[in-house]
Structures are given as structure tokens and as C-alpha cells.
Amino acid sequence: MRIYEELFIVQPDATDEQIDPLIEQLKDIIAQTGGTLDKAEKWGVRRLAYRIGKLNEGYYILLQFSAGATAVKEIQRRLRVNDLVVKFLTVRIDEKMKRIEKRKKQREKRAARKPPKPEAPAMATPSLPAEPAVPVPGAPAATAPGAPAQPEQK
């Protein structure tokens, strides 16, 4: 059993009375071959990327199912001979889902190896200046970093 997505486009003027029996027919094919229908979505009328048979729009329907190769061949055959269907596309998605799961596990593994971040203090205290702003009499004069040292006076 593999997981597939079947996206097919029917004529935009098709009614639900015409579309629902087609979806039921495909569900029956999947069930007869021992597969399961995971998701059936009607996307509605959308604009096509390019004209197909003098049509600019089509009614999109997506089916996601788990089945064997015989079910997929039969579904494609039925869609090919149905006058209501303009275009269809079958995609095997189980390999893609495996790759996504593998990548997700790798990320979790990496995250588990990283040391936990230290918690930031709730309230930051203002920092005190390192040197007094007013020179103190009798104290040696401070020089700016990178400035030449001044000789001591006696």
C-alpha cells in the first residue's frame, strides 16, 4: 500500500449531482482493491493556468488515498474515459512524507544535543561606570585606551 494524491479537474459548469457520483465511483474502486480514502476535498471553481479545450476555469477535486497500483490504474482509466473530467494528475506522496519525517527526526535529534540556553535575568540592573566622571584630587589621572602614557609629575 502506498499513499497517493489524485487531483482532477472537471468542467466548471458541472453540478454536485454530476460530481458526487464520480467521487463515489472512485471511492468504491479504492475500497474494492483494499485501499482507504483518507481525504476528499472539493476546492471549487478556479482559474486554469492555461486554456484546456476552450475552458478557462475548472472545478478542482483532490483525493488522498492509500492503495495499490491496480487501484491507481483503474482510477486513471475511469478518469480518462469520463467526459466530465478535463485533466487529472496522480502523485505518489509517501516518499515525500518519509523524507519530511526523516528531516524532522534529525532536527529533533540536533535540538536534543544542544545545551539548554541560560535563562536571562528577569530584570536588568543598570551598569555602573568603571571610572568616576569627576577626577579625584591626588588620584592618578586616567588615560583613554590607546592614548600615549603621560609621564608622572613630581
C-alpha atoms as a PDB file:
ATOM      1  CA  MET A   1       0.000   0.000   0.000  1.00  0.00           C
ATOM      2  CA  ARG A   2       1.233   3.435  -0.924  1.00  0.00           C
ATOM      3  CA  ILE A   3      -0.191   6.891  -0.368  1.00  0.00           C
ATOM      4  CA  TYR A   4      -1.380   8.827  -3.422  1.00  0.00           C
ATOM      5  CA  GLU A   5      -2.976  12.152  -4.223  1.00  0.00           C
ATOM      6  CA  GLU A   6      -5.325  12.363  -7.168  1.00  0.00           C
ATOM      7  CA  LEU A   7      -6.131  15.872  -8.325  1.00  0.00           C
ATOM      8  CA  PHE A   8      -8.611  16.125 -11.127  1.00  0.00           C
ATOM      9  CA  ILE A   9     -10.399  18.981 -12.812  1.00  0.00           C
ATOM     10  CA  VAL A  10     -13.951  18.678 -14.075  1.00  0.00           C
ATOM     11  CA  GLN A  11     -15.862  21.101 -16.246  1.00  0.00           C
ATOM     12  CA  PRO A  12     -16.761  24.309 -14.384  1.00  0.00           C
ATOM     13  CA  ASP A  13     -20.464  24.052 -15.182  1.00  0.00           C
ATOM     14  CA  ALA A  14     -20.727  20.584 -13.585  1.00  0.00           C
ATOM     15  CA  THR A  15     -23.251  20.315 -10.756  1.00  0.00           C
ATOM     16  CA  ASP A  16     -22.872  18.475  -7.462  1.00  0.00           C
ATOM     17  CA  GLU A  17     -25.322  15.872  -8.807  1.00  0.00           C
ATOM     18  CA  GLN A  18     -22.757  15.058 -11.504  1.00  0.00           C
ATOM     19  CA  ILE A  19     -19.620  15.322  -9.350  1.00  0.00           C
ATOM     20  CA  ASP A  20     -20.741  13.323  -6.295  1.00  0.00           C
ATOM     21  CA  PRO A  21     -21.393  10.056  -8.226  1.00  0.00           C
ATOM     22  CA  LEU A  22     -17.934  10.346  -9.799  1.00  0.00           C
ATOM     23  CA  ILE A  23     -16.302  10.710  -6.366  1.00  0.00           C
ATOM     24  CA  GLU A  24     -18.386   7.787  -5.041  1.00  0.00           C
ATOM     25  CA  GLN A  25     -17.303   5.664  -8.003  1.00  0.00           C
ATOM     26  CA  LEU A  26     -13.642   6.391  -7.221  1.00  0.00           C
ATOM     27  CA  LYS A  27     -14.203   5.645  -3.509  1.00  0.00           C
ATOM     28  CA  ASP A  28     -15.707   2.272  -4.457  1.00  0.00           C
ATOM     29  CA  ILE A  29     -12.700   1.410  -6.645  1.00  0.00           C
ATOM     30  CA  ILE A  30     -10.345   2.210  -3.770  1.00  0.00           C
ATOM     31  CA  ALA A  31     -12.400   0.160  -1.297  1.00  0.00           C
ATOM     32  CA  GLN A  32     -12.700  -2.839  -3.673  1.00  0.00           C
ATOM     33  CA  THR A  33      -8.919  -3.070  -4.033  1.00  0.00           C
ATOM     34  CA  GLY A  34      -8.376  -2.960  -0.274  1.00  0.00           C
ATOM     35  CA  GLY A  35      -7.356   0.692  -0.022  1.00  0.00           C
ATOM     36  CA  THR A  36      -8.627   3.513   2.146  1.00  0.00           C
ATOM     37  CA  LEU A  37      -9.716   7.029   1.225  1.00  0.00           C
ATOM     38  CA  ASP A  38      -8.028   9.437   3.635  1.00  0.00           C
ATOM     39  CA  LYS A  39      -9.297  12.778   2.340  1.00  0.00           C
ATOM     40  CA  ALA A  40     -11.705  14.060  -0.313  1.00  0.00           C
ATOM     41  CA  GLU A  41     -11.762  17.825  -0.852  1.00  0.00           C
ATOM     42  CA  LYS A  42     -13.784  19.875  -3.302  1.00  0.00           C
ATOM     43  CA  TRP A  43     -11.847  23.050  -3.983  1.00  0.00           C
ATOM     44  CA  GLY A  44     -14.485  24.570  -6.217  1.00  0.00           C
ATOM     45  CA  VAL A  45     -14.160  26.508  -9.454  1.00  0.00           C
ATOM     46  CA  ARG A  46     -10.732  28.031 -10.041  1.00  0.00           C
ATOM     47  CA  ARG A  47      -8.961  29.632 -12.943  1.00  0.00           C
ATOM     48  CA  LEU A  48      -6.789  27.315 -15.024  1.00  0.00           C
ATOM     49  CA  ALA A  49      -3.147  28.125 -15.691  1.00  0.00           C
ATOM     50  CA  TYR A  50      -3.783  27.732 -19.431  1.00  0.00           C
ATOM     51  CA  ARG A  51      -6.775  27.064 -21.684  1.00  0.00           C
ATOM     52  CA  ILE A  52      -7.843  23.443 -21.942  1.00  0.00           C
ATOM     53  CA  GLY A  53     -10.447  22.595 -24.562  1.00  0.00           C
ATOM     54  CA  LYS A  54     -11.766  26.187 -24.767  1.00  0.00           C
ATOM     55  CA  LEU A  55     -12.127  26.332 -20.952  1.00  0.00           C
ATOM     56  CA  ASN A  56     -10.532  28.978 -18.748  1.00  0.00           C
ATOM     57  CA  GLU A  57     -11.878  27.602 -15.456  1.00  0.00           C
ATOM     58  CA  GLY A  58     -12.355  24.204 -13.886  1.00  0.00           C
ATOM     59  CA  TYR A  59     -13.806  22.568 -10.774  1.00  0.00           C
ATOM     60  CA  TYR A  60     -10.908  21.115  -8.745  1.00  0.00           C
ATOM     61  CA  ILE A  61     -11.237  17.963  -6.630  1.00  0.00           C
ATOM     62  CA  LEU A  62      -8.480  16.385  -4.527  1.00  0.00           C
ATOM     63  CA  LEU A  63      -8.474  12.812  -3.235  1.00  0.00           C
ATOM     64  CA  GLN A  64      -5.818  11.422  -0.905  1.00  0.00           C
ATOM     65  CA  PHE A  65      -5.850   7.656  -0.533  1.00  0.00           C
ATOM     66  CA  SER A  66      -3.783   4.605   0.343  1.00  0.00           C
ATOM     67  CA  ALA A  67      -3.990   1.817  -2.225  1.00  0.00           C
ATOM     68  CA  GLY A  68      -2.058  -0.480  -4.506  1.00  0.00           C
ATOM     69  CA  ALA A  69      -1.012   0.050  -8.105  1.00  0.00           C
ATOM     70  CA  THR A  70      -4.079  -1.723  -9.527  1.00  0.00           C
ATOM     71  CA  ALA A  71      -6.413   0.794  -7.904  1.00  0.00           C
ATOM     72  CA  VAL A  72      -4.406   3.700  -9.311  1.00  0.00           C
ATOM     73  CA  LYS A  73      -4.502   2.244 -12.822  1.00  0.00           C
ATOM     74  CA  GLU A  74      -8.258   1.703 -12.637  1.00  0.00           C
ATOM     75  CA  ILE A  75      -8.877   5.228 -11.287  1.00  0.00           C
ATOM     76  CA  GLN A  76      -6.797   6.747 -14.077  1.00  0.00           C
ATOM     77  CA  ARG A  77      -8.637   4.653 -16.674  1.00  0.00           C
ATOM     78  CA  ARG A  78     -12.026   5.800 -15.366  1.00  0.00           C
ATOM     79  CA  LEU A  79     -10.978   9.448 -15.290  1.00  0.00           C
ATOM     80  CA  ARG A  80      -9.580   9.205 -18.822  1.00  0.00           C
ATOM     81  CA  VAL A  81     -12.885   7.936 -20.308  1.00  0.00           C
ATOM     82  CA  ASN A  82     -15.176  10.242 -18.328  1.00  0.00           C
ATOM     83  CA  ASP A  83     -16.368  13.210 -20.426  1.00  0.00           C
ATOM     84  CA  LEU A  84     -16.801  15.373 -17.342  1.00  0.00           C
ATOM     85  CA  VAL A  85     -13.079  15.251 -16.452  1.00  0.00           C
ATOM     86  CA  VAL A  86     -10.839  17.808 -18.171  1.00  0.00           C
ATOM     87  CA  LYS A  87      -7.461  16.888 -16.612  1.00  0.00           C
ATOM     88  CA  PHE A  88      -6.127  14.669 -13.832  1.00  0.00           C
ATOM     89  CA  LEU A  89      -2.846  14.132 -12.037  1.00  0.00           C
ATOM     90  CA  THR A  90      -1.786  11.283  -9.763  1.00  0.00           C
ATOM     91  CA  VAL A  91       1.129  11.812  -7.391  1.00  0.00           C
ATOM     92  CA  ARG A  92       2.677   9.309  -5.013  1.00  0.00           C
ATOM     93  CA  ILE A  93       3.338  11.200  -1.782  1.00  0.00           C
ATOM     94  CA  ASP A  94       4.540   8.501   0.615  1.00  0.00           C
ATOM     95  CA  GLU A  95       8.198   9.047  -0.358  1.00  0.00           C
ATOM     96  CA  LYS A  96       7.867  12.777   0.252  1.00  0.00           C
ATOM     97  CA  MET A  97       6.253  12.156   3.640  1.00  0.00           C
ATOM     98  CA  LYS A  98       9.084   9.769   4.576  1.00  0.00           C
ATOM     99  CA  ARG A  99      11.653  12.446   3.723  1.00  0.00           C
ATOM    100  CA  ILE A 100       9.789  15.043   5.778  1.00  0.00           C
ATOM    101  CA  GLU A 101       9.586  12.692   8.773  1.00  0.00           C
ATOM    102  CA  LYS A 102      13.294  11.845   8.491  1.00  0.00           C
ATOM    103  CA  ARG A 103      14.234  15.532   8.371  1.00  0.00           C
ATOM    104  CA  LYS A 104      12.001  16.233  11.374  1.00  0.00           C
ATOM    105  CA  LYS A 105      13.684  13.470  13.417  1.00  0.00           C
ATOM    106  CA  GLN A 106      17.125  14.822  12.510  1.00  0.00           C
ATOM    107  CA  ARG A 107      16.136  18.295  13.709  1.00  0.00           C
ATOM    108  CA  GLU A 108      14.793  16.890  16.981  1.00  0.00           C
ATOM    109  CA  LYS A 109      17.994  14.896  17.488  1.00  0.00           C
ATOM    110  CA  ARG A 110      20.117  18.011  16.921  1.00  0.00           C
ATOM    111  CA  ALA A 111      17.942  20.051  19.266  1.00  0.00           C
ATOM    112  CA  ALA A 112      18.331  17.396  21.985  1.00  0.00           C
ATOM    113  CA  ARG A 113      22.141  17.535  21.690  1.00  0.00           C
ATOM    114  CA  LYS A 114      22.334  21.312  22.091  1.00  0.00           C
ATOM    115  CA  PRO A 115      22.926  22.515  25.656  1.00  0.00           C
ATOM    116  CA  PRO A 116      19.984  24.390  27.119  1.00  0.00           C
ATOM    117  CA  LYS A 117      20.179  28.144  26.795  1.00  0.00           C
ATOM    118  CA  PRO A 118      20.859  30.010  30.060  1.00  0.00           C
ATOM    119  CA  GLU A 119      17.868  31.903  31.273  1.00  0.00           C
ATOM    120  CA  ALA A 120      18.106  35.677  31.049  1.00  0.00           C
ATOM    121  CA  PRO A 121      17.658  37.600  34.305  1.00  0.00           C
ATOM    122  CA  ALA A 122      14.145  38.888  34.812  1.00  0.00           C
ATOM    123  CA  MET A 123      15.231  42.480  35.371  1.00  0.00           C
ATOM    124  CA  ALA A 124      18.466  44.008  34.148  1.00  0.00           C
ATOM    125  CA  THR A 125      20.352  46.249  36.578  1.00  0.00           C
ATOM    126  CA  PRO A 126      21.882  49.441  35.231  1.00  0.00           C
ATOM    127  CA  SER A 127      25.636  49.149  34.852  1.00  0.00           C
ATOM    128  CA  LEU A 128      27.846  51.436  36.902  1.00  0.00           C
ATOM    129  CA  PRO A 129      30.587  53.399  35.196  1.00  0.00           C
ATOM    130  CA  ALA A 130      34.015  51.825  35.624  1.00  0.00           C
ATOM    131  CA  GLU A 131      35.705  55.140  36.469  1.00  0.00           C
ATOM    132  CA  PRO A 132      34.378  58.187  38.240  1.00  0.00           C
ATOM    133  CA  ALA A 133      33.322  61.001  35.949  1.00  0.00           C
ATOM    134  CA  VAL A 134      34.843  63.657  38.211  1.00  0.00           C
ATOM    135  CA  PRO A 135      38.616  63.465  38.783  1.00  0.00           C
ATOM    136  CA  VAL A 136      39.533  62.891  42.402  1.00  0.00           C
ATOM    137  CA  PRO A 137      42.357  65.116  43.711  1.00  0.00           C
ATOM    138  CA  GLY A 138      45.524  63.167  44.455  1.00  0.00           C
ATOM    139  CA  ALA A 139      44.487  60.175  42.320  1.00  0.00           C
ATOM    140  CA  PRO A 140      46.491  59.354  39.214  1.00  0.00           C
ATOM    141  CA  ALA A 141      44.933  60.669  36.025  1.00  0.00           C
ATOM    142  CA  ALA A 142      43.314  58.019  33.868  1.00  0.00           C
ATOM    143  CA  THR A 143      44.214  57.851  30.226  1.00  0.00           C
ATOM    144  CA  ALA A 144      41.963  56.882  27.433  1.00  0.00           C
ATOM    145  CA  PRO A 145      42.627  53.465  25.906  1.00  0.00           C
ATOM    146  CA  GLY A 146      45.137  53.730  23.098  1.00  0.00           C
ATOM    147  CA  ALA A 147      46.358  57.168  24.235  1.00  0.00           C
ATOM    148  CA  PRO A 148      50.086  57.655  24.887  1.00  0.00           C
ATOM    149  CA  ALA A 149      51.068  57.388  28.512  1.00  0.00           C
ATOM    150  CA  GLN A 150      51.885  60.680  30.236  1.00  0.00           C
ATOM    151  CA  PRO A 151      54.974  60.955  32.422  1.00  0.00           C
ATOM    152  CA  GLU A 152      54.340  61.381  36.128  1.00  0.00           C
ATOM    153  CA  GLN A 153      54.820  64.864  37.552  1.00  0.00           C
ATOM    154  CA  LYS A 154      56.590  65.482  40.841  1.00  0.00           C
END
